[in-house]
Amino acid sequence: MDRFGYINTNIERIKKEIELEIVPAFVIKNFAIYSRYVYYRKQGYNKTTSALYAGDDYKISDKQVFRIIKLMEKEV
């Protein structure tokens, strides 16, 4: 299971762990950015265009989006 799938199935528990400061808060932001990337991919855009649009939506660079994509697609 990749990191995105793990977070998606355990979102409530992870939110609670963020409140308790067990898990860093950027996990949810990375999850949201990757979700936006997946949304654009499902719309039919290619990988680069989807990353560009997701980066524009969250005001981050394309390099950061690709780093998040790589991180979220890693196996847990």
PDB file of N, CA and C in Angstrom:
ATOM      1  N   MET A   1       0.861  -1.172   0.000  1.00  0.00           N
ATOM      2  CA  MET A   1       0.000   0.000   0.000  1.00  0.00           C
ATOM      3  C   MET A   1       0.908   1.235   0.000  1.00  0.00           C
ATOM      4  N   ASP A   2       0.564   2.189  -0.831  1.00  0.00           N
ATOM      5  CA  ASP A   2       1.352   3.419  -0.856  1.00  0.00           C
ATOM      6  C   ASP A   2       0.906   4.360   0.265  1.00  0.00           C
ATOM      7  N   ARG A   3       1.706   5.403   0.471  1.00  0.00           N
ATOM      8  CA  ARG A   3       1.457   6.326   1.583  1.00  0.00           C
ATOM      9  C   ARG A   3       0.114   7.033   1.425  1.00  0.00           C
ATOM     10  N   PHE A   4      -0.245   7.398   0.194  1.00  0.00           N
ATOM     11  CA  PHE A   4      -1.523   8.071  -0.045  1.00  0.00           C
ATOM     12  C   PHE A   4      -2.688   7.175   0.371  1.00  0.00           C
ATOM     13  N   GLY A   5      -2.646   5.915  -0.040  1.00  0.00           N
ATOM     14  CA  GLY A   5      -3.704   4.973   0.329  1.00  0.00           C
ATOM     15  C   GLY A   5      -3.790   4.751   1.823  1.00  0.00           C
ATOM     16  N   TYR A   6      -2.634   4.694   2.473  1.00  0.00           N
ATOM     17  CA  TYR A   6      -2.611   4.503   3.922  1.00  0.00           C
ATOM     18  C   TYR A   6      -3.243   5.696   4.639  1.00  0.00           C
ATOM     19  N   ILE A   7      -2.859   6.894   4.232  1.00  0.00           N
ATOM     20  CA  ILE A   7      -3.427   8.096   4.857  1.00  0.00           C
ATOM     21  C   ILE A   7      -4.922   8.172   4.576  1.00  0.00           C
ATOM     22  N   ASN A   8      -5.311   7.852   3.353  1.00  0.00           N
ATOM     23  CA  ASN A   8      -6.713   7.928   2.963  1.00  0.00           C
ATOM     24  C   ASN A   8      -7.584   6.991   3.799  1.00  0.00           C
ATOM     25  N   THR A   9      -7.092   5.797   4.089  1.00  0.00           N
ATOM     26  CA  THR A   9      -7.892   4.848   4.866  1.00  0.00           C
ATOM     27  C   THR A   9      -7.842   5.125   6.366  1.00  0.00           C
ATOM     28  N   ASN A  10      -6.828   5.849   6.829  1.00  0.00           N
ATOM     29  CA  ASN A  10      -6.664   6.121   8.261  1.00  0.00           C
ATOM     30  C   ASN A  10      -6.703   7.609   8.580  1.00  0.00           C
ATOM     31  N   ILE A  11      -7.437   8.387   7.824  1.00  0.00           N
ATOM     32  CA  ILE A  11      -7.404   9.847   7.933  1.00  0.00           C
ATOM     33  C   ILE A  11      -7.826  10.349   9.316  1.00  0.00           C
ATOM     34  N   GLU A  12      -8.848   9.771   9.882  1.00  0.00           N
ATOM     35  CA  GLU A  12      -9.312  10.236  11.199  1.00  0.00           C
ATOM     36  C   GLU A  12      -8.269   9.988  12.284  1.00  0.00           C
ATOM     37  N   ARG A  13      -7.642   8.826  12.249  1.00  0.00           N
ATOM     38  CA  ARG A  13      -6.610   8.509  13.224  1.00  0.00           C
ATOM     39  C   ARG A  13      -5.405   9.434  13.056  1.00  0.00           C
ATOM     40  N   ILE A  14      -5.029   9.719  11.819  1.00  0.00           N
ATOM     41  CA  ILE A  14      -3.890  10.593  11.560  1.00  0.00           C
ATOM     42  C   ILE A  14      -4.198  12.019  12.000  1.00  0.00           C
ATOM     43  N   LYS A  15      -5.412  12.488  11.795  1.00  0.00           N
ATOM     44  CA  LYS A  15      -5.783  13.822  12.283  1.00  0.00           C
ATOM     45  C   LYS A  15      -5.654  13.902  13.802  1.00  0.00           C
ATOM     46  N   LYS A  16      -6.062  12.842  14.484  1.00  0.00           N
ATOM     47  CA  LYS A  16      -5.946  12.804  15.946  1.00  0.00           C
ATOM     48  C   LYS A  16      -4.479  12.803  16.363  1.00  0.00           C
ATOM     49  N   GLU A  17      -3.637  12.064  15.638  1.00  0.00           N
ATOM     50  CA  GLU A  17      -2.216  12.024  15.948  1.00  0.00           C
ATOM     51  C   GLU A  17      -1.542  13.368  15.670  1.00  0.00           C
ATOM     52  N   ILE A  18      -2.041  14.112  14.708  1.00  0.00           N
ATOM     53  CA  ILE A  18      -1.517  15.455  14.442  1.00  0.00           C
ATOM     54  C   ILE A  18      -1.873  16.376  15.602  1.00  0.00           C
ATOM     55  N   GLU A  19      -3.086  16.263  16.112  1.00  0.00           N
ATOM     56  CA  GLU A  19      -3.490  17.062  17.279  1.00  0.00           C
ATOM     57  C   GLU A  19      -2.609  16.759  18.487  1.00  0.00           C
ATOM     58  N   LEU A  20      -2.214  15.502  18.636  1.00  0.00           N
ATOM     59  CA  LEU A  20      -1.358  15.097  19.748  1.00  0.00           C
ATOM     60  C   LEU A  20       0.122  15.337  19.453  1.00  0.00           C
ATOM     61  N   GLU A  21       0.420  15.862  18.275  1.00  0.00           N
ATOM     62  CA  GLU A  21       1.770  16.174  17.810  1.00  0.00           C
ATOM     63  C   GLU A  21       2.657  14.938  17.700  1.00  0.00           C
ATOM     64  N   ILE A  22       2.056  13.821  17.359  1.00  0.00           N
ATOM     65  CA  ILE A  22       2.803  12.601  17.096  1.00  0.00           C
ATOM     66  C   ILE A  22       3.255  12.588  15.639  1.00  0.00           C
ATOM     67  N   VAL A  23       2.386  13.056  14.769  1.00  0.00           N
ATOM     68  CA  VAL A  23       2.643  13.126  13.337  1.00  0.00           C
ATOM     69  C   VAL A  23       2.775  14.598  12.955  1.00  0.00           C
ATOM     70  N   PRO A  24       3.753  14.948  12.093  1.00  0.00           N
ATOM     71  CA  PRO A  24       3.895  16.357  11.697  1.00  0.00           C
ATOM     72  C   PRO A  24       2.693  16.848  10.885  1.00  0.00           C
ATOM     73  N   ALA A  25       2.397  18.118  11.002  1.00  0.00           N
ATOM     74  CA  ALA A  25       1.213  18.699  10.364  1.00  0.00           C
ATOM     75  C   ALA A  25       1.314  18.744   8.845  1.00  0.00           C
ATOM     76  N   PHE A  26       2.528  18.737   8.303  1.00  0.00           N
ATOM     77  CA  PHE A  26       2.659  18.817   6.850  1.00  0.00           C
ATOM     78  C   PHE A  26       2.125  17.578   6.138  1.00  0.00           C
ATOM     79  N   VAL A  27       1.877  16.507   6.870  1.00  0.00           N
ATOM     80  CA  VAL A  27       1.345  15.284   6.271  1.00  0.00           C
ATOM     81  C   VAL A  27      -0.014  15.557   5.627  1.00  0.00           C
ATOM     82  N   ILE A  28      -0.865  16.303   6.305  1.00  0.00           N
ATOM     83  CA  ILE A  28      -2.193  16.615   5.766  1.00  0.00           C
ATOM     84  C   ILE A  28      -2.076  17.538   4.550  1.00  0.00           C
ATOM     85  N   LYS A  29      -1.163  18.497   4.592  1.00  0.00           N
ATOM     86  CA  LYS A  29      -0.987  19.394   3.447  1.00  0.00           C
ATOM     87  C   LYS A  29      -0.474  18.613   2.245  1.00  0.00           C
ATOM     88  N   ASN A  30       0.498  17.737   2.449  1.00  0.00           N
ATOM     89  CA  ASN A  30       0.986  16.903   1.355  1.00  0.00           C
ATOM     90  C   ASN A  30      -0.126  16.016   0.801  1.00  0.00           C
ATOM     91  N   PHE A  31      -0.964  15.494   1.688  1.00  0.00           N
ATOM     92  CA  PHE A  31      -2.100  14.676   1.273  1.00  0.00           C
ATOM     93  C   PHE A  31      -3.056  15.493   0.398  1.00  0.00           C
ATOM     94  N   ALA A  32      -3.313  16.736   0.786  1.00  0.00           N
ATOM     95  CA  ALA A  32      -4.214  17.604   0.020  1.00  0.00           C
ATOM     96  C   ALA A  32      -3.621  17.944  -1.341  1.00  0.00           C
ATOM     97  N   ILE A  33      -2.339  18.229  -1.386  1.00  0.00           N
ATOM     98  CA  ILE A  33      -1.684  18.555  -2.657  1.00  0.00           C
ATOM     99  C   ILE A  33      -1.706  17.348  -3.589  1.00  0.00           C
ATOM    100  N   TYR A  34      -1.400  16.178  -3.058  1.00  0.00           N
ATOM    101  CA  TYR A  34      -1.423  14.974  -3.881  1.00  0.00           C
ATOM    102  C   TYR A  34      -2.851  14.657  -4.346  1.00  0.00           C
ATOM    103  N   SER A  35      -3.820  14.901  -3.492  1.00  0.00           N
ATOM    104  CA  SER A  35      -5.219  14.685  -3.885  1.00  0.00           C
ATOM    105  C   SER A  35      -5.599  15.585  -5.056  1.00  0.00           C
ATOM    106  N   ARG A  36      -5.127  16.823  -5.022  1.00  0.00           N
ATOM    107  CA  ARG A  36      -5.401  17.747  -6.130  1.00  0.00           C
ATOM    108  C   ARG A  36      -4.716  17.271  -7.405  1.00  0.00           C
ATOM    109  N   TYR A  37      -3.500  16.771  -7.266  1.00  0.00           N
ATOM    110  CA  TYR A  37      -2.774  16.210  -8.410  1.00  0.00           C
ATOM    111  C   TYR A  37      -3.558  15.038  -9.010  1.00  0.00           C
ATOM    112  N   VAL A  38      -4.044  14.143  -8.164  1.00  0.00           N
ATOM    113  CA  VAL A  38      -4.829  12.990  -8.631  1.00  0.00           C
ATOM    114  C   VAL A  38      -6.107  13.461  -9.311  1.00  0.00           C
ATOM    115  N   TYR A  39      -6.739  14.507  -8.785  1.00  0.00           N
ATOM    116  CA  TYR A  39      -7.940  15.074  -9.390  1.00  0.00           C
ATOM    117  C   TYR A  39      -7.656  15.510 -10.828  1.00  0.00           C
ATOM    118  N   TYR A  40      -6.567  16.224 -11.029  1.00  0.00           N
ATOM    119  CA  TYR A  40      -6.222  16.672 -12.377  1.00  0.00           C
ATOM    120  C   TYR A  40      -5.862  15.509 -13.286  1.00  0.00           C
ATOM    121  N   ARG A  41      -5.217  14.476 -12.738  1.00  0.00           N
ATOM    122  CA  ARG A  41      -4.902  13.288 -13.546  1.00  0.00           C
ATOM    123  C   ARG A  41      -6.190  12.613 -14.014  1.00  0.00           C
ATOM    124  N   LYS A  42      -7.184  12.553 -13.129  1.00  0.00           N
ATOM    125  CA  LYS A  42      -8.464  11.941 -13.504  1.00  0.00           C
ATOM    126  C   LYS A  42      -9.214  12.782 -14.529  1.00  0.00           C
ATOM    127  N   GLN A  43      -8.902  14.057 -14.592  1.00  0.00           N
ATOM    128  CA  GLN A  43      -9.517  14.923 -15.596  1.00  0.00           C
ATOM    129  C   GLN A  43      -8.909  14.684 -16.976  1.00  0.00           C
ATOM    130  N   GLY A  44      -7.830  13.926 -17.050  1.00  0.00           N
ATOM    131  CA  GLY A  44      -7.222  13.583 -18.324  1.00  0.00           C
ATOM    132  C   GLY A  44      -5.936  14.328 -18.644  1.00  0.00           C
ATOM    133  N   TYR A  45      -5.455  15.134 -17.730  1.00  0.00           N
ATOM    134  CA  TYR A  45      -4.201  15.851 -17.957  1.00  0.00           C
ATOM    135  C   TYR A  45      -3.020  14.909 -17.738  1.00  0.00           C
ATOM    136  N   ASN A  46      -1.902  15.207 -18.413  1.00  0.00           N
ATOM    137  CA  ASN A  46      -0.718  14.373 -18.209  1.00  0.00           C
ATOM    138  C   ASN A  46      -0.076  14.704 -16.862  1.00  0.00           C
ATOM    139  N   LYS A  47       0.962  13.949 -16.516  1.00  0.00           N
ATOM    140  CA  LYS A  47       1.575  14.071 -15.188  1.00  0.00           C
ATOM    141  C   LYS A  47       2.152  15.465 -14.955  1.00  0.00           C
ATOM    142  N   THR A  48       2.859  15.997 -15.936  1.00  0.00           N
ATOM    143  CA  THR A  48       3.498  17.304 -15.766  1.00  0.00           C
ATOM    144  C   THR A  48       2.473  18.422 -15.642  1.00  0.00           C
ATOM    145  N   THR A  49       1.462  18.412 -16.476  1.00  0.00           N
ATOM    146  CA  THR A  49       0.427  19.439 -16.431  1.00  0.00           C
ATOM    147  C   THR A  49      -0.344  19.360 -15.119  1.00  0.00           C
ATOM    148  N   SER A  50      -0.642  18.153 -14.672  1.00  0.00           N
ATOM    149  CA  SER A  50      -1.349  17.980 -13.399  1.00  0.00           C
ATOM    150  C   SER A  50      -0.532  18.524 -12.239  1.00  0.00           C
ATOM    151  N   ALA A  51       0.770  18.267 -12.250  1.00  0.00           N
ATOM    152  CA  ALA A  51       1.648  18.783 -11.197  1.00  0.00           C
ATOM    153  C   ALA A  51       1.712  20.306 -11.259  1.00  0.00           C
ATOM    154  N   LEU A  52       1.768  20.854 -12.452  1.00  0.00           N
ATOM    155  CA  LEU A  52       1.798  22.312 -12.622  1.00  0.00           C
ATOM    156  C   LEU A  52       0.538  22.952 -12.058  1.00  0.00           C
ATOM    157  N   TYR A  53      -0.625  22.402 -12.387  1.00  0.00           N
ATOM    158  CA  TYR A  53      -1.892  22.943 -11.898  1.00  0.00           C
ATOM    159  C   TYR A  53      -2.018  22.800 -10.379  1.00  0.00           C
ATOM    160  N   ALA A  54      -1.607  21.661  -9.843  1.00  0.00           N
ATOM    161  CA  ALA A  54      -1.659  21.458  -8.391  1.00  0.00           C
ATOM    162  C   ALA A  54      -0.733  22.445  -7.686  1.00  0.00           C
ATOM    163  N   GLY A  55       0.434  22.675  -8.256  1.00  0.00           N
ATOM    164  CA  GLY A  55       1.363  23.648  -7.692  1.00  0.00           C
ATOM    165  C   GLY A  55       0.800  25.054  -7.725  1.00  0.00           C
ATOM    166  N   ASP A  56       0.133  25.397  -8.814  1.00  0.00           N
ATOM    167  CA  ASP A  56      -0.504  26.720  -8.915  1.00  0.00           C
ATOM    168  C   ASP A  56      -1.609  26.881  -7.880  1.00  0.00           C
ATOM    169  N   ASP A  57      -2.378  25.828  -7.667  1.00  0.00           N
ATOM    170  CA  ASP A  57      -3.472  25.890  -6.694  1.00  0.00           C
ATOM    171  C   ASP A  57      -2.960  26.134  -5.277  1.00  0.00           C
ATOM    172  N   TYR A  58      -1.813  25.546  -4.949  1.00  0.00           N
ATOM    173  CA  TYR A  58      -1.279  25.662  -3.591  1.00  0.00           C
ATOM    174  C   TYR A  58      -0.100  26.623  -3.485  1.00  0.00           C
ATOM    175  N   LYS A  59       0.189  27.321  -4.576  1.00  0.00           N
ATOM    176  CA  LYS A  59       1.269  28.332  -4.589  1.00  0.00           C
ATOM    177  C   LYS A  59       2.621  27.737  -4.176  1.00  0.00           C
ATOM    178  N   ILE A  60       2.942  26.567  -4.748  1.00  0.00           N
ATOM    179  CA  ILE A  60       4.253  25.959  -4.524  1.00  0.00           C
ATOM    180  C   ILE A  60       4.871  25.636  -5.877  1.00  0.00           C
ATOM    181  N   SER A  61       6.167  25.373  -5.888  1.00  0.00           N
ATOM    182  CA  SER A  61       6.875  25.121  -7.142  1.00  0.00           C
ATOM    183  C   SER A  61       6.580  23.714  -7.663  1.00  0.00           C
ATOM    184  N   ASP A  62       6.844  23.537  -8.946  1.00  0.00           N
ATOM    185  CA  ASP A  62       6.653  22.225  -9.566  1.00  0.00           C
ATOM    186  C   ASP A  62       7.581  21.190  -8.924  1.00  0.00           C
ATOM    187  N   LYS A  63       8.775  21.625  -8.575  1.00  0.00           N
ATOM    188  CA  LYS A  63       9.742  20.722  -7.950  1.00  0.00           C
ATOM    189  C   LYS A  63       9.192  20.180  -6.632  1.00  0.00           C
ATOM    190  N   GLN A  64       8.558  21.032  -5.858  1.00  0.00           N
ATOM    191  CA  GLN A  64       7.979  20.585  -4.590  1.00  0.00           C
ATOM    192  C   GLN A  64       6.830  19.611  -4.831  1.00  0.00           C
ATOM    193  N   VAL A  65       6.024  19.868  -5.860  1.00  0.00           N
ATOM    194  CA  VAL A  65       4.911  18.965  -6.179  1.00  0.00           C
ATOM    195  C   VAL A  65       5.446  17.593  -6.578  1.00  0.00           C
ATOM    196  N   PHE A  66       6.482  17.565  -7.405  1.00  0.00           N
ATOM    197  CA  PHE A  66       7.052  16.274  -7.803  1.00  0.00           C
ATOM    198  C   PHE A  66       7.676  15.544  -6.612  1.00  0.00           C
ATOM    199  N   ARG A  67       8.251  16.275  -5.659  1.00  0.00           N
ATOM    200  CA  ARG A  67       8.787  15.662  -4.453  1.00  0.00           C
ATOM    201  C   ARG A  67       7.654  15.028  -3.643  1.00  0.00           C
ATOM    202  N   ILE A  68       6.527  15.743  -3.546  1.00  0.00           N
ATOM    203  CA  ILE A  68       5.365  15.224  -2.815  1.00  0.00           C
ATOM    204  C   ILE A  68       4.787  14.000  -3.520  1.00  0.00           C
ATOM    205  N   ILE A  69       4.722  14.045  -4.846  1.00  0.00           N
ATOM    206  CA  ILE A  69       4.217  12.895  -5.608  1.00  0.00           C
ATOM    207  C   ILE A  69       5.078  11.673  -5.331  1.00  0.00           C
ATOM    208  N   LYS A  70       6.385  11.856  -5.397  1.00  0.00           N
ATOM    209  CA  LYS A  70       7.308  10.739  -5.139  1.00  0.00           C
ATOM    210  C   LYS A  70       7.122  10.209  -3.729  1.00  0.00           C
ATOM    211  N   LEU A  71       6.985  11.100  -2.769  1.00  0.00           N
ATOM    212  CA  LEU A  71       6.795  10.713  -1.373  1.00  0.00           C
ATOM    213  C   LEU A  71       5.479   9.949  -1.172  1.00  0.00           C
ATOM    214  N   MET A  72       4.409  10.435  -1.747  1.00  0.00           N
ATOM    215  CA  MET A  72       3.094   9.820  -1.541  1.00  0.00           C
ATOM    216  C   MET A  72       2.934   8.494  -2.273  1.00  0.00           C
ATOM    217  N   GLU A  73       3.729   8.269  -3.321  1.00  0.00           N
ATOM    218  CA  GLU A  73       3.629   7.011  -4.068  1.00  0.00           C
ATOM    219  C   GLU A  73       4.572   5.948  -3.542  1.00  0.00           C
ATOM    220  N   LYS A  74       5.339   6.269  -2.506  1.00  0.00           N
ATOM    221  CA  LYS A  74       6.225   5.292  -1.875  1.00  0.00           C
ATOM    222  C   LYS A  74       5.405   4.263  -1.105  1.00  0.00           C
ATOM    223  N   GLU A  75       5.922   3.041  -1.073  1.00  0.00           N
ATOM    224  CA  GLU A  75       5.279   1.991  -0.294  1.00  0.00           C
ATOM    225  C   GLU A  75       5.509   2.213   1.200  1.00  0.00           C
ATOM    226  N   VAL A  76       4.503   1.909   2.002  1.00  0.00           N
ATOM    227  CA  VAL A  76       4.620   2.066   3.451  1.00  0.00           C
ATOM    228  C   VAL A  76       5.036   0.754   4.062  1.00  0.00           C
TER     229      VAL A  76
END
